[in-house]
PDB file of N, CA and C in Angstrom:
ATOM      1  N   UNK A   1      20.899  65.875 -22.704  1.00  0.00           N
ATOM      2  CA  UNK A   1      22.197  65.307 -22.401  1.00  0.00           C
ATOM      3  C   UNK A   1      22.639  65.774 -21.015  1.00  0.00           C
ATOM      4  N   UNK A   2      23.072  64.864 -20.187  1.00  0.00           N
ATOM      5  CA  UNK A   2      23.514  65.256 -18.848  1.00  0.00           C
ATOM      6  C   UNK A   2      24.839  66.023 -18.886  1.00  0.00           C
ATOM      7  N   UNK A   3      24.976  66.946 -17.961  1.00  0.00           N
ATOM      8  CA  UNK A   3      26.185  67.758 -17.888  1.00  0.00           C
ATOM      9  C   UNK A   3      27.167  67.226 -16.847  1.00  0.00           C
ATOM     10  N   UNK A   4      26.679  66.461 -15.903  1.00  0.00           N
ATOM     11  CA  UNK A   4      27.497  65.975 -14.801  1.00  0.00           C
ATOM     12  C   UNK A   4      27.952  64.552 -15.112  1.00  0.00           C
ATOM     13  N   UNK A   5      29.188  64.251 -14.728  1.00  0.00           N
ATOM     14  CA  UNK A   5      29.769  62.952 -15.058  1.00  0.00           C
ATOM     15  C   UNK A   5      28.987  61.796 -14.443  1.00  0.00           C
ATOM     16  N   UNK A   6      28.547  61.952 -13.218  1.00  0.00           N
ATOM     17  CA  UNK A   6      27.782  60.880 -12.568  1.00  0.00           C
ATOM     18  C   UNK A   6      26.437  60.661 -13.267  1.00  0.00           C
ATOM     19  N   UNK A   7      25.860  61.740 -13.780  1.00  0.00           N
ATOM     20  CA  UNK A   7      24.597  61.613 -14.510  1.00  0.00           C
ATOM     21  C   UNK A   7      24.823  60.868 -15.829  1.00  0.00           C
ATOM     22  N   UNK A   8      25.959  61.108 -16.471  1.00  0.00           N
ATOM     23  CA  UNK A   8      26.286  60.391 -17.700  1.00  0.00           C
ATOM     24  C   UNK A   8      26.420  58.892 -17.423  1.00  0.00           C
ATOM     25  N   UNK A   9      27.054  58.554 -16.292  1.00  0.00           N
ATOM     26  CA  UNK A   9      27.201  57.159 -15.911  1.00  0.00           C
ATOM     27  C   UNK A   9      25.840  56.519 -15.656  1.00  0.00           C
ATOM     28  N   UNK A  10      24.966  57.258 -14.982  1.00  0.00           N
ATOM     29  CA  UNK A  10      23.629  56.732 -14.699  1.00  0.00           C
ATOM     30  C   UNK A  10      22.873  56.445 -15.983  1.00  0.00           C
ATOM     31  N   UNK A  11      23.019  57.312 -16.984  1.00  0.00           N
ATOM     32  CA  UNK A  11      22.346  57.096 -18.268  1.00  0.00           C
ATOM     33  C   UNK A  11      22.821  55.780 -18.890  1.00  0.00           C
ATOM     34  N   UNK A  12      24.130  55.523 -18.845  1.00  0.00           N
ATOM     35  CA  UNK A  12      24.664  54.284 -19.395  1.00  0.00           C
ATOM     36  C   UNK A  12      24.132  53.069 -18.636  1.00  0.00           C
ATOM     37  N   UNK A  13      24.092  53.179 -17.311  1.00  0.00           N
ATOM     38  CA  UNK A  13      23.605  52.071 -16.480  1.00  0.00           C
ATOM     39  C   UNK A  13      22.138  51.793 -16.770  1.00  0.00           C
ATOM     40  N   UNK A  14      21.348  52.859 -16.875  1.00  0.00           N
ATOM     41  CA  UNK A  14      19.915  52.705 -17.134  1.00  0.00           C
ATOM     42  C   UNK A  14      19.683  52.044 -18.491  1.00  0.00           C
ATOM     43  N   UNK A  15      20.462  52.445 -19.504  1.00  0.00           N
ATOM     44  CA  UNK A  15      20.316  51.829 -20.825  1.00  0.00           C
ATOM     45  C   UNK A  15      20.638  50.340 -20.769  1.00  0.00           C
ATOM     46  N   UNK A  16      21.684  49.976 -20.023  1.00  0.00           N
ATOM     47  CA  UNK A  16      22.078  48.582 -19.902  1.00  0.00           C
ATOM     48  C   UNK A  16      20.996  47.775 -19.172  1.00  0.00           C
ATOM     49  N   UNK A  17      20.485  48.312 -18.062  1.00  0.00           N
ATOM     50  CA  UNK A  17      19.444  47.615 -17.306  1.00  0.00           C
ATOM     51  C   UNK A  17      18.153  47.495 -18.106  1.00  0.00           C
ATOM     52  N   UNK A  18      17.819  48.520 -18.867  1.00  0.00           N
ATOM     53  CA  UNK A  18      16.619  48.483 -19.701  1.00  0.00           C
ATOM     54  C   UNK A  18      16.723  47.357 -20.723  1.00  0.00           C
ATOM     55  N   UNK A  19      17.896  47.212 -21.323  1.00  0.00           N
ATOM     56  CA  UNK A  19      18.101  46.139 -22.300  1.00  0.00           C
ATOM     57  C   UNK A  19      17.982  44.771 -21.636  1.00  0.00           C
ATOM     58  N   UNK A  20      18.540  44.623 -20.439  1.00  0.00           N
ATOM     59  CA  UNK A  20      18.442  43.352 -19.721  1.00  0.00           C
ATOM     60  C   UNK A  20      16.994  43.031 -19.383  1.00  0.00           C
ATOM     61  N   UNK A  21      16.263  44.023 -18.875  1.00  0.00           N
ATOM     62  CA  UNK A  21      14.861  43.809 -18.505  1.00  0.00           C
ATOM     63  C   UNK A  21      14.020  43.447 -19.722  1.00  0.00           C
ATOM     64  N   UNK A  22      14.291  44.115 -20.840  1.00  0.00           N
ATOM     65  CA  UNK A  22      13.544  43.832 -22.060  1.00  0.00           C
ATOM     66  C   UNK A  22      13.801  42.399 -22.515  1.00  0.00           C
ATOM     67  N   UNK A  23      15.040  41.958 -22.391  1.00  0.00           N
ATOM     68  CA  UNK A  23      15.396  40.590 -22.766  1.00  0.00           C
ATOM     69  C   UNK A  23      14.658  39.571 -21.895  1.00  0.00           C
ATOM     70  N   UNK A  24      14.616  39.831 -20.609  1.00  0.00           N
ATOM     71  CA  UNK A  24      13.934  38.921 -19.682  1.00  0.00           C
ATOM     72  C   UNK A  24      12.436  38.870 -19.987  1.00  0.00           C
ATOM     73  N   UNK A  25      11.827  40.037 -20.209  1.00  0.00           N
ATOM     74  CA  UNK A  25      10.395  40.080 -20.513  1.00  0.00           C
ATOM     75  C   UNK A  25      10.086  39.365 -21.824  1.00  0.00           C
ATOM     76  N   UNK A  26      10.967  39.503 -22.800  1.00  0.00           N
ATOM     77  CA  UNK A  26      10.782  38.832 -24.074  1.00  0.00           C
ATOM     78  C   UNK A  26      10.853  37.313 -23.896  1.00  0.00           C
ATOM     79  N   UNK A  27      11.788  36.859 -23.089  1.00  0.00           N
ATOM     80  CA  UNK A  27      11.929  35.429 -22.822  1.00  0.00           C
ATOM     81  C   UNK A  27      10.681  34.889 -22.127  1.00  0.00           C
ATOM     82  N   UNK A  28      10.142  35.651 -21.173  1.00  0.00           N
ATOM     83  CA  UNK A  28       8.920  35.248 -20.480  1.00  0.00           C
ATOM     84  C   UNK A  28       7.779  35.117 -21.483  1.00  0.00           C
ATOM     85  N   UNK A  29       7.637  36.095 -22.366  1.00  0.00           N
ATOM     86  CA  UNK A  29       6.570  36.060 -23.363  1.00  0.00           C
ATOM     87  C   UNK A  29       6.688  34.833 -24.264  1.00  0.00           C
ATOM     88  N   UNK A  30       7.909  34.504 -24.656  1.00  0.00           N
ATOM     89  CA  UNK A  30       8.134  33.344 -25.511  1.00  0.00           C
ATOM     90  C   UNK A  30       7.684  32.062 -24.815  1.00  0.00           C
ATOM     91  N   UNK A  31       8.069  31.903 -23.552  1.00  0.00           N
ATOM     92  CA  UNK A  31       7.700  30.690 -22.827  1.00  0.00           C
ATOM     93  C   UNK A  31       6.194  30.645 -22.538  1.00  0.00           C
ATOM     94  N   UNK A  32       5.581  31.794 -22.330  1.00  0.00           N
ATOM     95  CA  UNK A  32       4.127  31.836 -22.130  1.00  0.00           C
ATOM     96  C   UNK A  32       3.424  31.354 -23.403  1.00  0.00           C
ATOM     97  N   UNK A  33       3.912  31.806 -24.552  1.00  0.00           N
ATOM     98  CA  UNK A  33       3.318  31.368 -25.817  1.00  0.00           C
ATOM     99  C   UNK A  33       3.461  29.865 -25.997  1.00  0.00           C
ATOM    100  N   UNK A  34       4.633  29.320 -25.653  1.00  0.00           N
ATOM    101  CA  UNK A  34       4.837  27.876 -25.761  1.00  0.00           C
ATOM    102  C   UNK A  34       3.858  27.129 -24.867  1.00  0.00           C
ATOM    103  N   UNK A  35       3.643  27.641 -23.658  1.00  0.00           N
ATOM    104  CA  UNK A  35       2.702  27.010 -22.725  1.00  0.00           C
ATOM    105  C   UNK A  35       1.286  27.048 -23.293  1.00  0.00           C
ATOM    106  N   UNK A  36       0.866  28.193 -23.787  1.00  0.00           N
ATOM    107  CA  UNK A  36      -0.497  28.325 -24.307  1.00  0.00           C
ATOM    108  C   UNK A  36      -0.722  27.443 -25.541  1.00  0.00           C
ATOM    109  N   UNK A  37       0.287  27.307 -26.379  1.00  0.00           N
ATOM    110  CA  UNK A  37       0.166  26.427 -27.545  1.00  0.00           C
ATOM    111  C   UNK A  37       0.000  24.983 -27.095  1.00  0.00           C
ATOM    112  N   UNK A  38       0.770  24.584 -26.080  1.00  0.00           N
ATOM    113  CA  UNK A  38       0.660  23.211 -25.567  1.00  0.00           C
ATOM    114  C   UNK A  38      -0.724  22.969 -24.966  1.00  0.00           C
ATOM    115  N   UNK A  39      -1.275  23.973 -24.287  1.00  0.00           N
ATOM    116  CA  UNK A  39      -2.614  23.838 -23.705  1.00  0.00           C
ATOM    117  C   UNK A  39      -3.659  23.719 -24.816  1.00  0.00           C
ATOM    118  N   UNK A  40      -3.509  24.523 -25.865  1.00  0.00           N
ATOM    119  CA  UNK A  40      -4.461  24.469 -26.973  1.00  0.00           C
ATOM    120  C   UNK A  40      -4.421  23.111 -27.687  1.00  0.00           C
ATOM    121  N   UNK A  41      -3.215  22.545 -27.793  1.00  0.00           N
ATOM    122  CA  UNK A  41      -3.073  21.237 -28.434  1.00  0.00           C
ATOM    123  C   UNK A  41      -3.433  20.099 -27.488  1.00  0.00           C
ATOM    124  N   UNK A  42      -3.691  20.426 -26.238  1.00  0.00           N
ATOM    125  CA  UNK A  42      -4.068  19.463 -25.194  1.00  0.00           C
ATOM    126  C   UNK A  42      -2.975  18.417 -24.969  1.00  0.00           C
ATOM    127  N   UNK A  43      -1.743  18.884 -25.001  1.00  0.00           N
ATOM    128  CA  UNK A  43      -0.585  18.026 -24.754  1.00  0.00           C
ATOM    129  C   UNK A  43      -0.117  18.265 -23.321  1.00  0.00           C
ATOM    130  N   UNK A  44      -0.514  17.369 -22.428  1.00  0.00           N
ATOM    131  CA  UNK A  44      -0.264  17.572 -20.996  1.00  0.00           C
ATOM    132  C   UNK A  44       1.224  17.563 -20.664  1.00  0.00           C
ATOM    133  N   UNK A  45       1.980  16.661 -21.232  1.00  0.00           N
ATOM    134  CA  UNK A  45       3.404  16.566 -20.884  1.00  0.00           C
ATOM    135  C   UNK A  45       4.163  17.824 -21.270  1.00  0.00           C
ATOM    136  N   UNK A  46       3.950  18.294 -22.478  1.00  0.00           N
ATOM    137  CA  UNK A  46       4.620  19.511 -22.933  1.00  0.00           C
ATOM    138  C   UNK A  46       4.130  20.707 -22.122  1.00  0.00           C
ATOM    139  N   UNK A  47       2.836  20.735 -21.815  1.00  0.00           N
ATOM    140  CA  UNK A  47       2.279  21.838 -21.042  1.00  0.00           C
ATOM    141  C   UNK A  47       2.880  21.894 -19.638  1.00  0.00           C
ATOM    142  N   UNK A  48       3.069  20.738 -19.023  1.00  0.00           N
ATOM    143  CA  UNK A  48       3.654  20.724 -17.681  1.00  0.00           C
ATOM    144  C   UNK A  48       5.098  21.208 -17.686  1.00  0.00           C
ATOM    145  N   UNK A  49       5.857  20.797 -18.680  1.00  0.00           N
ATOM    146  CA  UNK A  49       7.247  21.258 -18.789  1.00  0.00           C
ATOM    147  C   UNK A  49       7.288  22.769 -19.030  1.00  0.00           C
ATOM    148  N   UNK A  50       6.446  23.243 -19.945  1.00  0.00           N
ATOM    149  CA  UNK A  50       6.397  24.673 -20.242  1.00  0.00           C
ATOM    150  C   UNK A  50       5.912  25.462 -19.029  1.00  0.00           C
ATOM    151  N   UNK A  51       4.952  24.884 -18.291  1.00  0.00           N
ATOM    152  CA  UNK A  51       4.442  25.535 -17.083  1.00  0.00           C
ATOM    153  C   UNK A  51       5.563  25.733 -16.061  1.00  0.00           C
ATOM    154  N   UNK A  52       6.356  24.690 -15.841  1.00  0.00           N
ATOM    155  CA  UNK A  52       7.458  24.795 -14.887  1.00  0.00           C
ATOM    156  C   UNK A  52       8.473  25.848 -15.325  1.00  0.00           C
ATOM    157  N   UNK A  53       8.731  25.924 -16.622  1.00  0.00           N
ATOM    158  CA  UNK A  53       9.659  26.932 -17.137  1.00  0.00           C
ATOM    159  C   UNK A  53       9.110  28.348 -16.927  1.00  0.00           C
ATOM    160  N   UNK A  54       7.832  28.527 -17.220  1.00  0.00           N
ATOM    161  CA  UNK A  54       7.214  29.844 -17.069  1.00  0.00           C
ATOM    162  C   UNK A  54       7.221  30.278 -15.604  1.00  0.00           C
ATOM    163  N   UNK A  55       6.858  29.373 -14.715  1.00  0.00           N
ATOM    164  CA  UNK A  55       6.815  29.693 -13.290  1.00  0.00           C
ATOM    165  C   UNK A  55       8.208  30.086 -12.800  1.00  0.00           C
ATOM    166  N   UNK A  56       9.205  29.336 -13.229  1.00  0.00           N
ATOM    167  CA  UNK A  56      10.580  29.633 -12.833  1.00  0.00           C
ATOM    168  C   UNK A  56      11.001  31.020 -13.312  1.00  0.00           C
ATOM    169  N   UNK A  57      10.705  31.332 -14.558  1.00  0.00           N
ATOM    170  CA  UNK A  57      11.069  32.641 -15.103  1.00  0.00           C
ATOM    171  C   UNK A  57      10.327  33.779 -14.402  1.00  0.00           C
ATOM    172  N   UNK A  58       9.040  33.566 -14.125  1.00  0.00           N
ATOM    173  CA  UNK A  58       8.270  34.599 -13.442  1.00  0.00           C
ATOM    174  C   UNK A  58       8.797  34.850 -12.026  1.00  0.00           C
ATOM    175  N   UNK A  59       9.135  33.780 -11.311  1.00  0.00           N
ATOM    176  CA  UNK A  59       9.686  33.934  -9.967  1.00  0.00           C
ATOM    177  C   UNK A  59      11.008  34.698  -9.996  1.00  0.00           C
ATOM    178  N   UNK A  60      11.854  34.331 -10.942  1.00  0.00           N
ATOM    179  CA  UNK A  60      13.157  34.997 -11.064  1.00  0.00           C
ATOM    180  C   UNK A  60      12.975  36.468 -11.411  1.00  0.00           C
ATOM    181  N   UNK A  61      12.083  36.758 -12.351  1.00  0.00           N
ATOM    182  CA  UNK A  61      11.858  38.139 -12.776  1.00  0.00           C
ATOM    183  C   UNK A  61      11.272  38.979 -11.649  1.00  0.00           C
ATOM    184  N   UNK A  62      10.365  38.390 -10.861  1.00  0.00           N
ATOM    185  CA  UNK A  62       9.775  39.166  -9.762  1.00  0.00           C
ATOM    186  C   UNK A  62      10.783  39.377  -8.638  1.00  0.00           C
ATOM    187  N   UNK A  63      11.667  38.409  -8.413  1.00  0.00           N
ATOM    188  CA  UNK A  63      12.679  38.587  -7.365  1.00  0.00           C
ATOM    189  C   UNK A  63      13.725  39.625  -7.779  1.00  0.00           C
ATOM    190  N   UNK A  64      13.948  39.777  -9.086  1.00  0.00           N
ATOM    191  CA  UNK A  64      14.889  40.780  -9.585  1.00  0.00           C
ATOM    192  C   UNK A  64      14.209  42.124  -9.864  1.00  0.00           C
ATOM    193  N   UNK A  65      12.940  42.241  -9.533  1.00  0.00           N
ATOM    194  CA  UNK A  65      12.148  43.459  -9.728  1.00  0.00           C
ATOM    195  C   UNK A  65      12.030  43.860 -11.202  1.00  0.00           C
ATOM    196  N   UNK A  66      12.033  42.871 -12.080  1.00  0.00           N
ATOM    197  CA  UNK A  66      11.785  43.147 -13.496  1.00  0.00           C
ATOM    198  C   UNK A  66      10.287  43.329 -13.702  1.00  0.00           C
ATOM    199  N   UNK A  67       9.497  42.468 -13.051  1.00  0.00           N
ATOM    200  CA  UNK A  67       8.043  42.624 -13.039  1.00  0.00           C
ATOM    201  C   UNK A  67       7.589  42.646 -11.579  1.00  0.00           C
ATOM    202  N   UNK A  68       6.422  43.186 -11.354  1.00  0.00           N
ATOM    203  CA  UNK A  68       5.901  43.291  -9.992  1.00  0.00           C
ATOM    204  C   UNK A  68       5.514  41.910  -9.467  1.00  0.00           C
ATOM    205  N   UNK A  69       5.708  41.717  -8.183  1.00  0.00           N
ATOM    206  CA  UNK A  69       5.419  40.424  -7.541  1.00  0.00           C
ATOM    207  C   UNK A  69       3.966  40.022  -7.744  1.00  0.00           C
ATOM    208  N   UNK A  70       3.050  40.959  -7.581  1.00  0.00           N
ATOM    209  CA  UNK A  70       1.632  40.635  -7.736  1.00  0.00           C
ATOM    210  C   UNK A  70       1.297  40.239  -9.170  1.00  0.00           C
ATOM    211  N   UNK A  71       1.948  40.861 -10.123  1.00  0.00           N
ATOM    212  CA  UNK A  71       1.735  40.511 -11.526  1.00  0.00           C
ATOM    213  C   UNK A  71       2.200  39.084 -11.791  1.00  0.00           C
ATOM    214  N   UNK A  72       3.355  38.741 -11.259  1.00  0.00           N
ATOM    215  CA  UNK A  72       3.874  37.377 -11.428  1.00  0.00           C
ATOM    216  C   UNK A  72       2.943  36.374 -10.759  1.00  0.00           C
ATOM    217  N   UNK A  73       2.477  36.677  -9.560  1.00  0.00           N
ATOM    218  CA  UNK A  73       1.581  35.767  -8.849  1.00  0.00           C
ATOM    219  C   UNK A  73       0.263  35.586  -9.592  1.00  0.00           C
ATOM    220  N   UNK A  74      -0.250  36.671 -10.146  1.00  0.00           N
ATOM    221  CA  UNK A  74      -1.502  36.603 -10.896  1.00  0.00           C
ATOM    222  C   UNK A  74      -1.345  35.721 -12.134  1.00  0.00           C
ATOM    223  N   UNK A  75      -0.236  35.894 -12.839  1.00  0.00           N
ATOM    224  CA  UNK A  75       0.013  35.080 -14.032  1.00  0.00           C
ATOM    225  C   UNK A  75       0.206  33.614 -13.661  1.00  0.00           C
ATOM    226  N   UNK A  76       0.927  33.357 -12.581  1.00  0.00           N
ATOM    227  CA  UNK A  76       1.144  31.983 -12.146  1.00  0.00           C
ATOM    228  C   UNK A  76      -0.180  31.311 -11.798  1.00  0.00           C
ATOM    229  N   UNK A  77      -1.065  32.027 -11.121  1.00  0.00           N
ATOM    230  CA  UNK A  77      -2.368  31.462 -10.763  1.00  0.00           C
ATOM    231  C   UNK A  77      -3.188  31.167 -12.020  1.00  0.00           C
ATOM    232  N   UNK A  78      -3.127  32.067 -12.981  1.00  0.00           N
ATOM    233  CA  UNK A  78      -3.871  31.890 -14.224  1.00  0.00           C
ATOM    234  C   UNK A  78      -3.381  30.651 -14.980  1.00  0.00           C
ATOM    235  N   UNK A  79      -2.056  30.494 -15.062  1.00  0.00           N
ATOM    236  CA  UNK A  79      -1.503  29.349 -15.777  1.00  0.00           C
ATOM    237  C   UNK A  79      -1.759  28.047 -15.035  1.00  0.00           C
ATOM    238  N   UNK A  80      -1.751  28.096 -13.710  1.00  0.00           N
ATOM    239  CA  UNK A  80      -2.047  26.896 -12.920  1.00  0.00           C
ATOM    240  C   UNK A  80      -3.484  26.451 -13.184  1.00  0.00           C
ATOM    241  N   UNK A  81      -4.379  27.417 -13.273  1.00  0.00           N
ATOM    242  CA  UNK A  81      -5.776  27.093 -13.546  1.00  0.00           C
ATOM    243  C   UNK A  81      -5.927  26.488 -14.945  1.00  0.00           C
ATOM    244  N   UNK A  82      -5.229  27.047 -15.923  1.00  0.00           N
ATOM    245  CA  UNK A  82      -5.285  26.491 -17.274  1.00  0.00           C
ATOM    246  C   UNK A  82      -4.784  25.050 -17.299  1.00  0.00           C
ATOM    247  N   UNK A  83      -3.693  24.801 -16.575  1.00  0.00           N
ATOM    248  CA  UNK A  83      -3.130  23.451 -16.539  1.00  0.00           C
ATOM    249  C   UNK A  83      -4.075  22.482 -15.831  1.00  0.00           C
ATOM    250  N   UNK A  84      -4.673  22.903 -14.716  1.00  0.00           N
ATOM    251  CA  UNK A  84      -5.619  22.054 -13.994  1.00  0.00           C
ATOM    252  C   UNK A  84      -6.845  21.746 -14.845  1.00  0.00           C
ATOM    253  N   UNK A  85      -7.358  22.763 -15.541  1.00  0.00           N
ATOM    254  CA  UNK A  85      -8.515  22.548 -16.414  1.00  0.00           C
ATOM    255  C   UNK A  85      -8.176  21.570 -17.537  1.00  0.00           C
ATOM    256  N   UNK A  86      -6.967  21.678 -18.064  1.00  0.00           N
ATOM    257  CA  UNK A  86      -6.534  20.760 -19.111  1.00  0.00           C
ATOM    258  C   UNK A  86      -6.475  19.324 -18.591  1.00  0.00           C
ATOM    259  N   UNK A  87      -5.937  19.153 -17.394  1.00  0.00           N
ATOM    260  CA  UNK A  87      -5.838  17.812 -16.821  1.00  0.00           C
ATOM    261  C   UNK A  87      -7.227  17.217 -16.583  1.00  0.00           C
ATOM    262  N   UNK A  88      -8.167  18.045 -16.098  1.00  0.00           N
ATOM    263  CA  UNK A  88      -9.522  17.557 -15.870  1.00  0.00           C
ATOM    264  C   UNK A  88     -10.218  17.214 -17.185  1.00  0.00           C
ATOM    265  N   UNK A  89      -9.975  18.018 -18.197  1.00  0.00           N
ATOM    266  CA  UNK A  89     -10.622  17.832 -19.491  1.00  0.00           C
ATOM    267  C   UNK A  89     -10.146  16.554 -20.176  1.00  0.00           C
ATOM    268  N   UNK A  90      -8.873  16.255 -20.067  1.00  0.00           N
ATOM    269  CA  UNK A  90      -8.305  15.091 -20.746  1.00  0.00           C
ATOM    270  C   UNK A  90      -8.718  13.805 -20.055  1.00  0.00           C
ATOM    271  N   UNK A  91      -8.853  13.836 -18.735  1.00  0.00           N
ATOM    272  CA  UNK A  91      -9.234  12.614 -18.004  1.00  0.00           C
ATOM    273  C   UNK A  91     -10.645  12.224 -18.213  1.00  0.00           C
TER     274      UNK A  91
END
């Protein structure tokens, strides 16, 4: 337990930010699952919509320093490849 008032405030702030970050990461995971399910079902329209949502969330999270920029870029590249492979496979 912190003894200094400013340290007590920091603990409260950190708890609040941790909860926000966890919420954002959970939302990203949910949308990633939706995208992967659409890819598995080979539904291009749903996959494209889910892809755009995932990319948007990853960009926002990396700009807010919730996840590292390189991690977001790596995931975006991976999902883009999955979507491109799906489009080639269906045609």
